[in-house]
Amino acid sequence: MNVTSTEKTTCTYCSGKGYFQLILGGSETCPRCDGTGKNK
């Protein structure tokens, strides 16, 4: 498996999770990938 191709398809903003943890608690859907965890 090629690592560079995986990095390109995974959203770098949320590290592929589709959401990110908020500082005050809770989580929010990633605005870049709309919660999919992948780059558009």
C-alpha atoms as a PDB file:
ATOM      1  CA  MET A   1       0.000   0.000   0.000  1.00  0.00           C
ATOM      2  CA  ASN A   2       1.259   3.441  -0.902  1.00  0.00           C
ATOM      3  CA  VAL A   3       1.291   5.768   2.097  1.00  0.00           C
ATOM      4  CA  THR A   4       1.248   8.996   0.073  1.00  0.00           C
ATOM      5  CA  SER A   5      -2.019   8.079  -1.663  1.00  0.00           C
ATOM      6  CA  THR A   6      -3.624   7.423   1.726  1.00  0.00           C
ATOM      7  CA  GLU A   7      -2.543  10.839   2.977  1.00  0.00           C
ATOM      8  CA  LYS A   8      -4.093  12.523  -0.046  1.00  0.00           C
ATOM      9  CA  THR A   9      -7.497  10.896   0.441  1.00  0.00           C
ATOM     10  CA  THR A  10      -7.629  11.462   4.198  1.00  0.00           C
ATOM     11  CA  CYS A  11      -8.817  14.866   5.348  1.00  0.00           C
ATOM     12  CA  THR A  12      -5.839  16.576   6.987  1.00  0.00           C
ATOM     13  CA  TYR A  13      -8.065  18.957   8.968  1.00  0.00           C
ATOM     14  CA  CYS A  14      -9.617  16.208  11.108  1.00  0.00           C
ATOM     15  CA  SER A  15      -7.042  13.441  10.461  1.00  0.00           C
ATOM     16  CA  GLY A  16      -9.678  11.309   8.753  1.00  0.00           C
ATOM     17  CA  LYS A  17     -12.015  11.195  11.742  1.00  0.00           C
ATOM     18  CA  GLY A  18     -14.772  13.295  10.188  1.00  0.00           C
ATOM     19  CA  TYR A  19     -14.995  15.420  13.313  1.00  0.00           C
ATOM     20  CA  PHE A  20     -12.724  17.206  15.745  1.00  0.00           C
ATOM     21  CA  GLN A  21     -12.836  17.630  19.515  1.00  0.00           C
ATOM     22  CA  LEU A  22     -13.707  21.074  20.810  1.00  0.00           C
ATOM     23  CA  ILE A  23     -11.584  22.645  23.538  1.00  0.00           C
ATOM     24  CA  LEU A  24     -14.582  23.139  25.833  1.00  0.00           C
ATOM     25  CA  GLY A  25     -15.766  19.582  25.301  1.00  0.00           C
ATOM     26  CA  GLY A  26     -17.935  17.855  22.744  1.00  0.00           C
ATOM     27  CA  SER A  27     -17.187  17.442  19.074  1.00  0.00           C
ATOM     28  CA  GLU A  28     -18.022  19.164  15.826  1.00  0.00           C
ATOM     29  CA  THR A  29     -18.374  17.854  12.289  1.00  0.00           C
ATOM     30  CA  CYS A  30     -15.368  18.733  10.176  1.00  0.00           C
ATOM     31  CA  PRO A  31     -16.288  21.608   7.822  1.00  0.00           C
ATOM     32  CA  ARG A  32     -13.737  20.590   5.179  1.00  0.00           C
ATOM     33  CA  CYS A  33     -14.902  17.023   4.600  1.00  0.00           C
ATOM     34  CA  ASP A  34     -18.481  17.328   5.960  1.00  0.00           C
ATOM     35  CA  GLY A  35     -17.886  14.470   8.367  1.00  0.00           C
ATOM     36  CA  THR A  36     -16.685  11.957   5.779  1.00  0.00           C
ATOM     37  CA  GLY A  37     -13.030  12.013   6.850  1.00  0.00           C
ATOM     38  CA  LYS A  38     -11.877  12.167   3.227  1.00  0.00           C
ATOM     39  CA  ASN A  39     -10.755  14.985   0.972  1.00  0.00           C
ATOM     40  CA  LYS A  40     -13.208  16.135  -1.669  1.00  0.00           C
END
